[in-house]
PDB file of all heavy atoms in Angstrom:
ATOM      1  N   TYR A   1     -11.676   6.975 -15.884  1.00  0.00           N
ATOM      2  CA  TYR A   1     -12.541   6.359 -16.891  1.00  0.00           C
ATOM      3  C   TYR A   1     -11.741   5.925 -18.114  1.00  0.00           C
ATOM      4  O   TYR A   1     -11.941   4.831 -18.653  1.00  0.00           O
ATOM      5  CB  TYR A   1     -13.634   7.344 -17.303  1.00  0.00           C
ATOM      6  CG  TYR A   1     -14.584   6.798 -18.341  1.00  0.00           C
ATOM      7  CD1 TYR A   1     -15.623   5.947 -17.983  1.00  0.00           C
ATOM      8  CD2 TYR A   1     -14.422   7.131 -19.691  1.00  0.00           C
ATOM      9  CE1 TYR A   1     -16.485   5.441 -18.942  1.00  0.00           C
ATOM     10  CE2 TYR A   1     -15.279   6.637 -20.654  1.00  0.00           C
ATOM     11  CZ  TYR A   1     -16.318   5.783 -20.279  1.00  0.00           C
ATOM     12  OH  TYR A   1     -17.165   5.285 -21.223  1.00  0.00           O
ATOM     13  N   LYS A   2     -10.796   6.784 -18.526  1.00  0.00           N
ATOM     14  CA  LYS A   2      -9.965   6.460 -19.699  1.00  0.00           C
ATOM     15  C   LYS A   2      -9.099   5.233 -19.417  1.00  0.00           C
ATOM     16  O   LYS A   2      -8.990   4.336 -20.257  1.00  0.00           O
ATOM     17  CB  LYS A   2      -9.078   7.660 -20.030  1.00  0.00           C
ATOM     18  CG  LYS A   2      -8.217   7.500 -21.276  1.00  0.00           C
ATOM     19  CD  LYS A   2      -9.057   7.572 -22.534  1.00  0.00           C
ATOM     20  CE  LYS A   2      -8.202   7.776 -23.767  1.00  0.00           C
ATOM     21  NZ  LYS A   2      -7.190   6.724 -23.968  1.00  0.00           N
ATOM     22  N   VAL A   3      -8.490   5.195 -18.229  1.00  0.00           N
ATOM     23  CA  VAL A   3      -7.649   4.048 -17.874  1.00  0.00           C
ATOM     24  C   VAL A   3      -8.484   2.777 -17.808  1.00  0.00           C
ATOM     25  O   VAL A   3      -8.076   1.711 -18.278  1.00  0.00           O
ATOM     26  CB  VAL A   3      -6.943   4.304 -16.524  1.00  0.00           C
ATOM     27  CG1 VAL A   3      -6.294   3.023 -15.998  1.00  0.00           C
ATOM     28  CG2 VAL A   3      -5.885   5.386 -16.677  1.00  0.00           C
ATOM     29  N   GLY A   4      -9.675   2.882 -17.229  1.00  0.00           N
ATOM     30  CA  GLY A   4     -10.536   1.722 -17.128  1.00  0.00           C
ATOM     31  C   GLY A   4     -10.976   1.201 -18.483  1.00  0.00           C
ATOM     32  O   GLY A   4     -11.041  -0.020 -18.710  1.00  0.00           O
ATOM     33  N   GLU A   5     -11.267   2.111 -19.406  1.00  0.00           N
ATOM     34  CA  GLU A   5     -11.667   1.699 -20.742  1.00  0.00           C
ATOM     35  C   GLU A   5     -10.512   1.069 -21.510  1.00  0.00           C
ATOM     36  O   GLU A   5     -10.683   0.048 -22.181  1.00  0.00           O
ATOM     37  CB  GLU A   5     -12.200   2.915 -21.514  1.00  0.00           C
ATOM     38  CG  GLU A   5     -13.586   3.372 -21.064  1.00  0.00           C
ATOM     39  CD  GLU A   5     -14.653   2.371 -21.431  1.00  0.00           C
ATOM     40  OE1 GLU A   5     -14.680   1.922 -22.588  1.00  0.00           O
ATOM     41  OE2 GLU A   5     -15.453   2.012 -20.542  1.00  0.00           O
ATOM     42  N   ASP A   6      -9.318   1.678 -21.392  1.00  0.00           N
ATOM     43  CA  ASP A   6      -8.178   1.179 -22.154  1.00  0.00           C
ATOM     44  C   ASP A   6      -7.689  -0.173 -21.639  1.00  0.00           C
ATOM     45  O   ASP A   6      -7.267  -1.031 -22.418  1.00  0.00           O
ATOM     46  CB  ASP A   6      -7.031   2.192 -22.104  1.00  0.00           C
ATOM     47  CG  ASP A   6      -7.375   3.459 -22.876  1.00  0.00           C
ATOM     48  OD1 ASP A   6      -8.334   3.423 -23.668  1.00  0.00           O
ATOM     49  OD2 ASP A   6      -6.697   4.485 -22.663  1.00  0.00           O
ATOM     50  N   SER A   7      -7.727  -0.340 -20.318  1.00  0.00           N
ATOM     51  CA  SER A   7      -7.218  -1.580 -19.731  1.00  0.00           C
ATOM     52  C   SER A   7      -8.284  -2.646 -19.574  1.00  0.00           C
ATOM     53  O   SER A   7      -7.969  -3.791 -19.232  1.00  0.00           O
ATOM     54  CB  SER A   7      -6.597  -1.290 -18.358  1.00  0.00           C
ATOM     55  OG  SER A   7      -7.589  -0.800 -17.463  1.00  0.00           O
ATOM     56  N   GLY A   8      -9.539  -2.243 -19.795  1.00  0.00           N
ATOM     57  CA  GLY A   8     -10.633  -3.187 -19.606  1.00  0.00           C
ATOM     58  C   GLY A   8     -10.909  -3.502 -18.161  1.00  0.00           C
ATOM     59  O   GLY A   8     -11.462  -4.558 -17.836  1.00  0.00           O
ATOM     60  N   ALA A   9     -10.538  -2.577 -17.265  1.00  0.00           N
ATOM     61  CA  ALA A   9     -10.712  -2.814 -15.824  1.00  0.00           C
ATOM     62  C   ALA A   9     -12.173  -2.904 -15.432  1.00  0.00           C
ATOM     63  O   ALA A   9     -12.516  -3.506 -14.414  1.00  0.00           O
ATOM     64  CB  ALA A   9     -10.029  -1.704 -15.028  1.00  0.00           C
ATOM     65  N   TRP A  10     -13.052  -2.288 -16.229  1.00  0.00           N
ATOM     66  CA  TRP A  10     -14.473  -2.302 -15.882  1.00  0.00           C
ATOM     67  C   TRP A  10     -15.128  -3.647 -16.212  1.00  0.00           C
ATOM     68  O   TRP A  10     -16.230  -3.922 -15.753  1.00  0.00           O
ATOM     69  CB  TRP A  10     -15.200  -1.186 -16.624  1.00  0.00           C
ATOM     70  CG  TRP A  10     -14.593   0.168 -16.481  1.00  0.00           C
ATOM     71  CD1 TRP A  10     -14.315   1.062 -17.471  1.00  0.00           C
ATOM     72  CD2 TRP A  10     -14.172   0.810 -15.278  1.00  0.00           C
ATOM     73  NE1 TRP A  10     -13.747   2.203 -16.968  1.00  0.00           N
ATOM     74  CE2 TRP A  10     -13.639   2.072 -15.618  1.00  0.00           C
ATOM     75  CE3 TRP A  10     -14.157   0.427 -13.931  1.00  0.00           C
ATOM     76  CZ2 TRP A  10     -13.130   2.958 -14.690  1.00  0.00           C
ATOM     77  CZ3 TRP A  10     -13.640   1.319 -12.986  1.00  0.00           C
ATOM     78  CH2 TRP A  10     -13.144   2.564 -13.367  1.00  0.00           C
ATOM     79  N   SER A  11     -14.457  -4.468 -16.981  1.00  0.00           N
ATOM     80  CA  SER A  11     -15.059  -5.750 -17.360  1.00  0.00           C
ATOM     81  C   SER A  11     -14.139  -6.938 -17.081  1.00  0.00           C
ATOM     82  O   SER A  11     -14.235  -7.960 -17.724  1.00  0.00           O
ATOM     83  CB  SER A  11     -15.408  -5.738 -18.860  1.00  0.00           C
ATOM     84  OG  SER A  11     -14.252  -5.482 -19.643  1.00  0.00           O
ATOM     85  N   LEU A  12     -13.235  -6.774 -16.110  1.00  0.00           N
ATOM     86  CA  LEU A  12     -12.329  -7.861 -15.776  1.00  0.00           C
ATOM     87  C   LEU A  12     -13.064  -8.942 -14.993  1.00  0.00           C
ATOM     88  O   LEU A  12     -13.964  -8.644 -14.206  1.00  0.00           O
ATOM     89  CB  LEU A  12     -11.164  -7.327 -14.922  1.00  0.00           C
ATOM     90  CG  LEU A  12     -10.169  -6.408 -15.650  1.00  0.00           C
ATOM     91  CD1 LEU A  12      -9.162  -5.863 -14.663  1.00  0.00           C
ATOM     92  CD2 LEU A  12      -9.455  -7.158 -16.765  1.00  0.00           C
ATOM     93  N   PRO A  13     -12.705 -10.203 -15.165  1.00  0.00           N
ATOM     94  CA  PRO A  13     -13.343 -11.276 -14.400  1.00  0.00           C
ATOM     95  C   PRO A  13     -13.006 -11.195 -12.918  1.00  0.00           C
ATOM     96  O   PRO A  13     -12.069 -10.497 -12.516  1.00  0.00           O
ATOM     97  CB  PRO A  13     -12.775 -12.547 -15.039  1.00  0.00           C
ATOM     98  CG  PRO A  13     -11.510 -12.114 -15.697  1.00  0.00           C
ATOM     99  CD  PRO A  13     -11.733 -10.700 -16.150  1.00  0.00           C
ATOM    100  N   ASP A  14     -13.766 -11.916 -12.096  1.00  0.00           N
ATOM    101  CA  ASP A  14     -13.618 -11.843 -10.652  1.00  0.00           C
ATOM    102  C   ASP A  14     -12.267 -12.362 -10.175  1.00  0.00           C
ATOM    103  O   ASP A  14     -11.788 -11.958  -9.106  1.00  0.00           O
ATOM    104  CB  ASP A  14     -14.734 -12.638  -9.960  1.00  0.00           C
ATOM    105  CG  ASP A  14     -16.103 -12.019 -10.213  1.00  0.00           C
ATOM    106  OD1 ASP A  14     -16.146 -10.820 -10.515  1.00  0.00           O
ATOM    107  OD2 ASP A  14     -17.115 -12.749 -10.108  1.00  0.00           O
ATOM    108  N   ASP A  15     -11.659 -13.272 -10.920  1.00  0.00           N
ATOM    109  CA  ASP A  15     -10.388 -13.847 -10.483  1.00  0.00           C
ATOM    110  C   ASP A  15      -9.176 -13.085 -11.007  1.00  0.00           C
ATOM    111  O   ASP A  15      -8.047 -13.587 -10.980  1.00  0.00           O
ATOM    112  CB  ASP A  15     -10.291 -15.308 -10.919  1.00  0.00           C
ATOM    113  CG  ASP A  15     -10.427 -15.466 -12.445  1.00  0.00           C
ATOM    114  OD1 ASP A  15     -10.802 -14.469 -13.104  1.00  0.00           O
ATOM    115  OD2 ASP A  15     -10.151 -16.580 -12.953  1.00  0.00           O
ATOM    116  N   THR A  16      -9.384 -11.853 -11.443  1.00  0.00           N
ATOM    117  CA  THR A  16      -8.274 -11.041 -11.953  1.00  0.00           C
ATOM    118  C   THR A  16      -7.320 -10.700 -10.817  1.00  0.00           C
ATOM    119  O   THR A  16      -7.750 -10.281  -9.739  1.00  0.00           O
ATOM    120  CB  THR A  16      -8.801  -9.738 -12.565  1.00  0.00           C
ATOM    121  OG1 THR A  16      -9.689 -10.064 -13.628  1.00  0.00           O
ATOM    122  CG2 THR A  16      -7.657  -8.898 -13.107  1.00  0.00           C
ATOM    123  N   PRO A  17      -6.008 -10.851 -11.004  1.00  0.00           N
ATOM    124  CA  PRO A  17      -5.047 -10.496  -9.954  1.00  0.00           C
ATOM    125  C   PRO A  17      -5.173  -9.015  -9.588  1.00  0.00           C
ATOM    126  O   PRO A  17      -5.441  -8.171 -10.435  1.00  0.00           O
ATOM    127  CB  PRO A  17      -3.682 -10.795 -10.596  1.00  0.00           C
ATOM    128  CG  PRO A  17      -3.980 -11.782 -11.672  1.00  0.00           C
ATOM    129  CD  PRO A  17      -5.349 -11.439 -12.181  1.00  0.00           C
ATOM    130  N   ILE A  18      -4.949  -8.724  -8.303  1.00  0.00           N
ATOM    131  CA  ILE A  18      -5.121  -7.346  -7.821  1.00  0.00           C
ATOM    132  C   ILE A  18      -4.103  -6.402  -8.458  1.00  0.00           C
ATOM    133  O   ILE A  18      -4.321  -5.183  -8.520  1.00  0.00           O
ATOM    134  CB  ILE A  18      -5.007  -7.315  -6.280  1.00  0.00           C
ATOM    135  CG1 ILE A  18      -5.477  -5.957  -5.742  1.00  0.00           C
ATOM    136  CG2 ILE A  18      -3.581  -7.594  -5.835  1.00  0.00           C
ATOM    137  CD1 ILE A  18      -5.574  -5.906  -4.237  1.00  0.00           C
ATOM    138  N   GLU A  19      -2.971  -6.941  -8.950  1.00  0.00           N
ATOM    139  CA  GLU A  19      -1.978  -6.074  -9.582  1.00  0.00           C
ATOM    140  C   GLU A  19      -2.554  -5.343 -10.792  1.00  0.00           C
ATOM    141  O   GLU A  19      -2.138  -4.226 -11.120  1.00  0.00           O
ATOM    142  CB  GLU A  19      -0.760  -6.909 -10.026  1.00  0.00           C
ATOM    143  CG  GLU A  19       0.101  -7.425  -8.878  1.00  0.00           C
ATOM    144  CD  GLU A  19      -0.394  -8.765  -8.359  1.00  0.00           C
ATOM    145  OE1 GLU A  19      -1.547  -9.140  -8.704  1.00  0.00           O
ATOM    146  OE2 GLU A  19       0.342  -9.423  -7.608  1.00  0.00           O
ATOM    147  N   HIS A  20      -3.545  -5.948 -11.453  1.00  0.00           N
ATOM    148  CA  HIS A  20      -4.108  -5.349 -12.659  1.00  0.00           C
ATOM    149  C   HIS A  20      -5.093  -4.215 -12.350  1.00  0.00           C
ATOM    150  O   HIS A  20      -5.325  -3.353 -13.194  1.00  0.00           O
ATOM    151  CB  HIS A  20      -4.817  -6.432 -13.486  1.00  0.00           C
ATOM    152  CG  HIS A  20      -3.889  -7.448 -14.048  1.00  0.00           C
ATOM    153  ND1 HIS A  20      -4.331  -8.599 -14.667  1.00  0.00           N
ATOM    154  CD2 HIS A  20      -2.525  -7.499 -14.079  1.00  0.00           C
ATOM    155  CE1 HIS A  20      -3.282  -9.319 -15.063  1.00  0.00           C
ATOM    156  NE2 HIS A  20      -2.184  -8.672 -14.708  1.00  0.00           N
ATOM    157  N   ILE A  21      -5.675  -4.239 -11.168  1.00  0.00           N
ATOM    158  CA  ILE A  21      -6.657  -3.200 -10.824  1.00  0.00           C
ATOM    159  C   ILE A  21      -6.143  -2.259  -9.747  1.00  0.00           C
ATOM    160  O   ILE A  21      -6.837  -1.323  -9.361  1.00  0.00           O
ATOM    161  CB  ILE A  21      -7.983  -3.841 -10.355  1.00  0.00           C
ATOM    162  CG1 ILE A  21      -7.746  -4.726  -9.139  1.00  0.00           C
ATOM    163  CG2 ILE A  21      -8.635  -4.630 -11.470  1.00  0.00           C
ATOM    164  CD1 ILE A  21      -9.027  -5.286  -8.539  1.00  0.00           C
ATOM    165  N   ASN A  22      -4.907  -2.501  -9.277  1.00  0.00           N
ATOM    166  CA  ASN A  22      -4.347  -1.670  -8.219  1.00  0.00           C
ATOM    167  C   ASN A  22      -4.313  -0.183  -8.588  1.00  0.00           C
ATOM    168  O   ASN A  22      -4.698   0.665  -7.778  1.00  0.00           O
ATOM    169  CB  ASN A  22      -2.943  -2.177  -7.862  1.00  0.00           C
ATOM    170  CG  ASN A  22      -2.424  -1.571  -6.575  1.00  0.00           C
ATOM    171  OD1 ASN A  22      -3.190  -1.279  -5.662  1.00  0.00           O
ATOM    172  ND2 ASN A  22      -1.126  -1.375  -6.512  1.00  0.00           N
ATOM    173  N   PRO A  23      -3.858   0.211  -9.793  1.00  0.00           N
ATOM    174  CA  PRO A  23      -3.864   1.636 -10.143  1.00  0.00           C
ATOM    175  C   PRO A  23      -5.265   2.242 -10.142  1.00  0.00           C
ATOM    176  O   PRO A  23      -5.455   3.401  -9.760  1.00  0.00           O
ATOM    177  CB  PRO A  23      -3.245   1.662 -11.546  1.00  0.00           C
ATOM    178  CG  PRO A  23      -2.470   0.404 -11.643  1.00  0.00           C
ATOM    179  CD  PRO A  23      -3.227  -0.602 -10.851  1.00  0.00           C
ATOM    180  N   VAL A  24      -6.258   1.477 -10.566  1.00  0.00           N
ATOM    181  CA  VAL A  24      -7.626   1.974 -10.579  1.00  0.00           C
ATOM    182  C   VAL A  24      -8.124   2.229  -9.159  1.00  0.00           C
ATOM    183  O   VAL A  24      -8.789   3.228  -8.880  1.00  0.00           O
ATOM    184  CB  VAL A  24      -8.552   0.972 -11.309  1.00  0.00           C
ATOM    185  CG1 VAL A  24     -10.006   1.430 -11.239  1.00  0.00           C
ATOM    186  CG2 VAL A  24      -8.112   0.806 -12.749  1.00  0.00           C
ATOM    187  N   ILE A  25      -7.772   1.337  -8.234  1.00  0.00           N
ATOM    188  CA  ILE A  25      -8.165   1.509  -6.832  1.00  0.00           C
ATOM    189  C   ILE A  25      -7.553   2.779  -6.265  1.00  0.00           C
ATOM    190  O   ILE A  25      -8.220   3.564  -5.577  1.00  0.00           O
ATOM    191  CB  ILE A  25      -7.742   0.279  -6.010  1.00  0.00           C
ATOM    192  CG1 ILE A  25      -8.502  -0.960  -6.467  1.00  0.00           C
ATOM    193  CG2 ILE A  25      -7.969   0.518  -4.523  1.00  0.00           C
ATOM    194  CD1 ILE A  25      -8.049  -2.242  -5.799  1.00  0.00           C
ATOM    195  N   LYS A  26      -6.287   3.007  -6.550  1.00  0.00           N
ATOM    196  CA  LYS A  26      -5.602   4.199  -6.038  1.00  0.00           C
ATOM    197  C   LYS A  26      -6.251   5.472  -6.575  1.00  0.00           C
ATOM    198  O   LYS A  26      -6.485   6.435  -5.830  1.00  0.00           O
ATOM    199  CB  LYS A  26      -4.120   4.169  -6.426  1.00  0.00           C
ATOM    200  CG  LYS A  26      -3.337   3.055  -5.755  1.00  0.00           C
ATOM    201  CD  LYS A  26      -1.889   3.062  -6.220  1.00  0.00           C
ATOM    202  CE  LYS A  26      -1.082   1.960  -5.564  1.00  0.00           C
ATOM    203  NZ  LYS A  26       0.326   1.957  -6.006  1.00  0.00           N
ATOM    204  N   LEU A  27      -6.550   5.487  -7.863  1.00  0.00           N
ATOM    205  CA  LEU A  27      -7.175   6.662  -8.452  1.00  0.00           C
ATOM    206  C   LEU A  27      -8.567   6.895  -7.890  1.00  0.00           C
ATOM    207  O   LEU A  27      -8.985   8.048  -7.676  1.00  0.00           O
ATOM    208  CB  LEU A  27      -7.231   6.510  -9.978  1.00  0.00           C
ATOM    209  CG  LEU A  27      -5.901   6.624 -10.712  1.00  0.00           C
ATOM    210  CD1 LEU A  27      -6.078   6.244 -12.180  1.00  0.00           C
ATOM    211  CD2 LEU A  27      -5.334   8.031 -10.606  1.00  0.00           C
ATOM    212  N   PHE A  28      -9.296   5.829  -7.641  1.00  0.00           N
ATOM    213  CA  PHE A  28     -10.644   5.969  -7.088  1.00  0.00           C
ATOM    214  C   PHE A  28     -10.595   6.533  -5.672  1.00  0.00           C
ATOM    215  O   PHE A  28     -11.414   7.398  -5.303  1.00  0.00           O
ATOM    216  CB  PHE A  28     -11.364   4.624  -7.087  1.00  0.00           C
ATOM    217  CG  PHE A  28     -12.764   4.696  -6.543  1.00  0.00           C
ATOM    218  CD1 PHE A  28     -13.783   5.256  -7.302  1.00  0.00           C
ATOM    219  CD2 PHE A  28     -13.052   4.220  -5.277  1.00  0.00           C
ATOM    220  CE1 PHE A  28     -15.079   5.346  -6.797  1.00  0.00           C
ATOM    221  CE2 PHE A  28     -14.331   4.298  -4.765  1.00  0.00           C
ATOM    222  CZ  PHE A  28     -15.351   4.860  -5.526  1.00  0.00           C
ATOM    223  N   ILE A  29      -9.654   6.076  -4.847  1.00  0.00           N
ATOM    224  CA  ILE A  29      -9.503   6.620  -3.496  1.00  0.00           C
ATOM    225  C   ILE A  29      -9.121   8.102  -3.554  1.00  0.00           C
ATOM    226  O   ILE A  29      -9.631   8.927  -2.788  1.00  0.00           O
ATOM    227  CB  ILE A  29      -8.450   5.815  -2.713  1.00  0.00           C
ATOM    228  CG1 ILE A  29      -8.935   4.381  -2.505  1.00  0.00           C
ATOM    229  CG2 ILE A  29      -8.157   6.468  -1.374  1.00  0.00           C
ATOM    230  CD1 ILE A  29      -7.907   3.469  -1.859  1.00  0.00           C
ATOM    231  N   LEU A  30      -8.236   8.449  -4.484  1.00  0.00           N
ATOM    232  CA  LEU A  30      -7.854   9.850  -4.656  1.00  0.00           C
ATOM    233  C   LEU A  30      -9.051  10.697  -5.075  1.00  0.00           C
ATOM    234  O   LEU A  30      -9.242  11.817  -4.585  1.00  0.00           O
ATOM    235  CB  LEU A  30      -6.745   9.949  -5.706  1.00  0.00           C
ATOM    236  CG  LEU A  30      -6.146  11.338  -5.952  1.00  0.00           C
ATOM    237  CD1 LEU A  30      -5.485  11.864  -4.693  1.00  0.00           C
ATOM    238  CD2 LEU A  30      -5.139  11.276  -7.094  1.00  0.00           C
ATOM    239  N   LEU A  31      -9.883  10.169  -5.968  1.00  0.00           N
ATOM    240  CA  LEU A  31     -11.096  10.864  -6.387  1.00  0.00           C
ATOM    241  C   LEU A  31     -12.022  11.109  -5.200  1.00  0.00           C
ATOM    242  O   LEU A  31     -12.554  12.220  -5.034  1.00  0.00           O
ATOM    243  CB  LEU A  31     -11.804  10.042  -7.461  1.00  0.00           C
ATOM    244  CG  LEU A  31     -13.201  10.531  -7.896  1.00  0.00           C
ATOM    245  CD1 LEU A  31     -13.116  11.903  -8.525  1.00  0.00           C
ATOM    246  CD2 LEU A  31     -13.829   9.528  -8.860  1.00  0.00           C
ATOM    247  N   CYS A  32     -12.210  10.098  -4.372  1.00  0.00           N
ATOM    248  CA  CYS A  32     -13.076  10.238  -3.189  1.00  0.00           C
ATOM    249  C   CYS A  32     -12.530  11.305  -2.237  1.00  0.00           C
ATOM    250  O   CYS A  32     -13.304  12.072  -1.641  1.00  0.00           O
ATOM    251  CB  CYS A  32     -13.203   8.907  -2.465  1.00  0.00           C
ATOM    252  SG  CYS A  32     -14.129   7.650  -3.370  1.00  0.00           S
ATOM    253  N   LEU A  33     -11.220  11.373  -2.115  1.00  0.00           N
ATOM    254  CA  LEU A  33     -10.616  12.359  -1.206  1.00  0.00           C
ATOM    255  C   LEU A  33     -10.813  13.777  -1.733  1.00  0.00           C
ATOM    256  O   LEU A  33     -11.118  14.699  -0.963  1.00  0.00           O
ATOM    257  CB  LEU A  33      -9.131  12.051  -1.029  1.00  0.00           C
ATOM    258  CG  LEU A  33      -8.443  12.726   0.158  1.00  0.00           C
ATOM    259  CD1 LEU A  33      -9.142  12.356   1.462  1.00  0.00           C
ATOM    260  CD2 LEU A  33      -6.982  12.325   0.219  1.00  0.00           C
ATOM    261  N   PHE A  34     -10.640  13.969  -3.029  1.00  0.00           N
ATOM    262  CA  PHE A  34     -10.881  15.289  -3.616  1.00  0.00           C
ATOM    263  C   PHE A  34     -12.354  15.699  -3.443  1.00  0.00           C
ATOM    264  O   PHE A  34     -12.652  16.870  -3.163  1.00  0.00           O
ATOM    265  CB  PHE A  34     -10.508  15.295  -5.093  1.00  0.00           C
ATOM    266  CG  PHE A  34      -9.037  15.471  -5.350  1.00  0.00           C
ATOM    267  CD1 PHE A  34      -8.381  14.679  -6.287  1.00  0.00           C
ATOM    268  CD2 PHE A  34      -8.304  16.426  -4.672  1.00  0.00           C
ATOM    269  CE1 PHE A  34      -7.027  14.835  -6.531  1.00  0.00           C
ATOM    270  CE2 PHE A  34      -6.947  16.592  -4.909  1.00  0.00           C
ATOM    271  CZ  PHE A  34      -6.308  15.792  -5.839  1.00  0.00           C
ATOM    272  N   MET A  35     -13.268  14.757  -3.615  1.00  0.00           N
ATOM    273  CA  MET A  35     -14.679  15.068  -3.445  1.00  0.00           C
ATOM    274  C   MET A  35     -15.013  15.383  -1.988  1.00  0.00           C
ATOM    275  O   MET A  35     -15.845  16.240  -1.691  1.00  0.00           O
ATOM    276  CB  MET A  35     -15.537  13.903  -3.949  1.00  0.00           C
ATOM    277  CG  MET A  35     -15.477  13.697  -5.454  1.00  0.00           C
ATOM    278  SD  MET A  35     -15.887  15.191  -6.395  1.00  0.00           S
ATOM    279  CE  MET A  35     -17.573  15.507  -5.842  1.00  0.00           C
ATOM    280  N   THR A  36     -14.359  14.683  -1.064  1.00  0.00           N
ATOM    281  CA  THR A  36     -14.541  14.994   0.354  1.00  0.00           C
ATOM    282  C   THR A  36     -14.063  16.399   0.670  1.00  0.00           C
ATOM    283  O   THR A  36     -14.717  17.154   1.408  1.00  0.00           O
ATOM    284  CB  THR A  36     -13.776  13.967   1.216  1.00  0.00           C
ATOM    285  OG1 THR A  36     -14.270  12.655   0.946  1.00  0.00           O
ATOM    286  CG2 THR A  36     -13.937  14.274   2.695  1.00  0.00           C
ATOM    287  N   SER A  37     -12.921  16.761   0.111  1.00  0.00           N
ATOM    288  CA  SER A  37     -12.390  18.105   0.303  1.00  0.00           C
ATOM    289  C   SER A  37     -13.347  19.153  -0.267  1.00  0.00           C
ATOM    290  O   SER A  37     -13.623  20.179   0.358  1.00  0.00           O
ATOM    291  CB  SER A  37     -11.014  18.220  -0.354  1.00  0.00           C
ATOM    292  OG  SER A  37     -10.491  19.518  -0.228  1.00  0.00           O
ATOM    293  N   PHE A  38     -13.867  18.883  -1.458  1.00  0.00           N
ATOM    294  CA  PHE A  38     -14.826  19.807  -2.077  1.00  0.00           C
ATOM    295  C   PHE A  38     -16.076  19.978  -1.198  1.00  0.00           C
ATOM    296  O   PHE A  38     -16.547  21.097  -0.979  1.00  0.00           O
ATOM    297  CB  PHE A  38     -15.212  19.279  -3.457  1.00  0.00           C
ATOM    298  CG  PHE A  38     -16.377  20.004  -4.089  1.00  0.00           C
ATOM    299  CD1 PHE A  38     -16.212  21.276  -4.617  1.00  0.00           C
ATOM    300  CD2 PHE A  38     -17.629  19.411  -4.149  1.00  0.00           C
ATOM    301  CE1 PHE A  38     -17.282  21.943  -5.192  1.00  0.00           C
ATOM    302  CE2 PHE A  38     -18.693  20.068  -4.723  1.00  0.00           C
ATOM    303  CZ  PHE A  38     -18.527  21.337  -5.239  1.00  0.00           C
ATOM    304  N   PHE A  39     -16.603  18.869  -0.691  1.00  0.00           N
ATOM    305  CA  PHE A  39     -17.786  18.930   0.160  1.00  0.00           C
ATOM    306  C   PHE A  39     -17.509  19.756   1.418  1.00  0.00           C
ATOM    307  O   PHE A  39     -18.348  20.577   1.827  1.00  0.00           O
ATOM    308  CB  PHE A  39     -18.212  17.516   0.548  1.00  0.00           C
ATOM    309  CG  PHE A  39     -19.332  17.474   1.551  1.00  0.00           C
ATOM    310  CD1 PHE A  39     -20.641  17.694   1.167  1.00  0.00           C
ATOM    311  CD2 PHE A  39     -19.062  17.214   2.889  1.00  0.00           C
ATOM    312  CE1 PHE A  39     -21.669  17.671   2.097  1.00  0.00           C
ATOM    313  CE2 PHE A  39     -20.078  17.180   3.825  1.00  0.00           C
ATOM    314  CZ  PHE A  39     -21.390  17.406   3.429  1.00  0.00           C
TER     315      PHE A  39
END
């Protein structure tokens, strides 16, 4: 959430290059994996 707020990833336009949101995607996948493990 902090990274998304600081980088503006939550409000980037649709044509934003994937390089700008790549770290957010990685963190989100990691979050899903931790939640799967918890479940």
